[in-house]
Amino acid sequence: MAKVLRALAHLFPAPVQPIGFFATRDEATAYARRELGHLGKRIAVVNHLDGYAVYCVGGL
């Protein structure tokens, strides 16, 4: 997880916050779309070995 945070922080100079973790990509994508509507910030879905994480890029 630390490697992913460092990579996202390198790509996006704004703060990166994890906001969810899901077993399937479909669940993660649906959650990311809902949060995008609420937060209005950039959202990233990242593949992990045991699931998918959703990150808010730019802080909460």
Protein backbone atom coordinates (compact mmCIF):
# COMPACT_ATOMS: atom_id res chain seq x y z
CA MET A 1 0.00 0.00 0.00
CA ALA A 2 2.86 2.39 0.76
CA LYS A 3 4.26 1.93 -2.75
CA VAL A 4 0.89 2.83 -4.27
CA LEU A 5 0.60 5.96 -2.14
CA ARG A 6 4.12 7.06 -3.09
CA ALA A 7 3.43 6.43 -6.78
CA LEU A 8 0.16 8.37 -6.68
CA ALA A 9 1.82 11.18 -4.74
CA HIS A 10 4.51 11.33 -7.42
CA LEU A 11 1.97 11.41 -10.26
CA PHE A 12 -0.37 13.83 -8.52
CA PRO A 13 1.36 16.43 -6.33
CA ALA A 14 -1.86 16.88 -4.31
CA PRO A 15 -2.45 14.82 -1.13
CA VAL A 16 -3.84 11.30 -1.68
CA GLN A 17 -6.31 9.78 0.82
CA PRO A 18 -7.68 6.20 0.75
CA ILE A 19 -11.48 6.25 0.97
CA GLY A 20 -12.49 2.63 0.33
CA PHE A 21 -11.39 -0.94 -0.37
CA PHE A 22 -13.43 -3.47 -2.36
CA ALA A 23 -13.19 -7.08 -3.51
CA THR A 24 -14.19 -6.46 -7.14
CA ARG A 25 -13.43 -3.76 -9.66
CA ASP A 26 -17.14 -3.25 -10.38
CA GLU A 27 -17.83 -2.43 -6.71
CA ALA A 28 -14.85 -0.08 -6.56
CA THR A 29 -15.85 1.70 -9.76
CA ALA A 30 -19.45 2.14 -8.62
CA TYR A 31 -18.29 3.56 -5.28
CA ALA A 32 -15.78 5.87 -7.00
CA ARG A 33 -18.50 7.23 -9.29
CA ARG A 34 -20.79 7.94 -6.32
CA GLU A 35 -17.99 9.65 -4.40
CA LEU A 36 -16.99 11.68 -7.45
CA GLY A 37 -20.49 13.12 -7.51
CA HIS A 38 -20.32 14.00 -3.80
CA LEU A 39 -16.72 15.20 -3.52
CA GLY A 40 -16.12 16.71 -6.94
CA LYS A 41 -12.43 15.75 -6.74
CA ARG A 42 -10.26 13.34 -8.69
CA ILE A 43 -10.82 9.69 -7.76
CA ALA A 44 -8.45 6.81 -8.53
CA VAL A 45 -9.22 3.07 -8.49
CA VAL A 46 -6.05 1.06 -7.83
CA ASN A 47 -5.59 -2.70 -8.25
CA HIS A 48 -4.15 -4.54 -5.22
CA LEU A 49 -3.38 -8.24 -4.79
CA ASP A 50 -6.49 -8.88 -2.72
CA GLY A 51 -8.91 -6.31 -4.15
CA TYR A 52 -9.27 -2.72 -5.35
CA ALA A 53 -8.68 0.48 -3.42
CA VAL A 54 -10.37 3.82 -4.08
CA TYR A 55 -8.33 6.96 -3.45
CA CYS A 56 -9.33 10.61 -3.37
CA VAL A 57 -6.66 12.73 -5.03
CA GLY A 58 -6.53 16.22 -3.61
CA GLY A 59 -7.57 15.55 -0.03
CA LEU A 60 -10.95 15.22 1.61
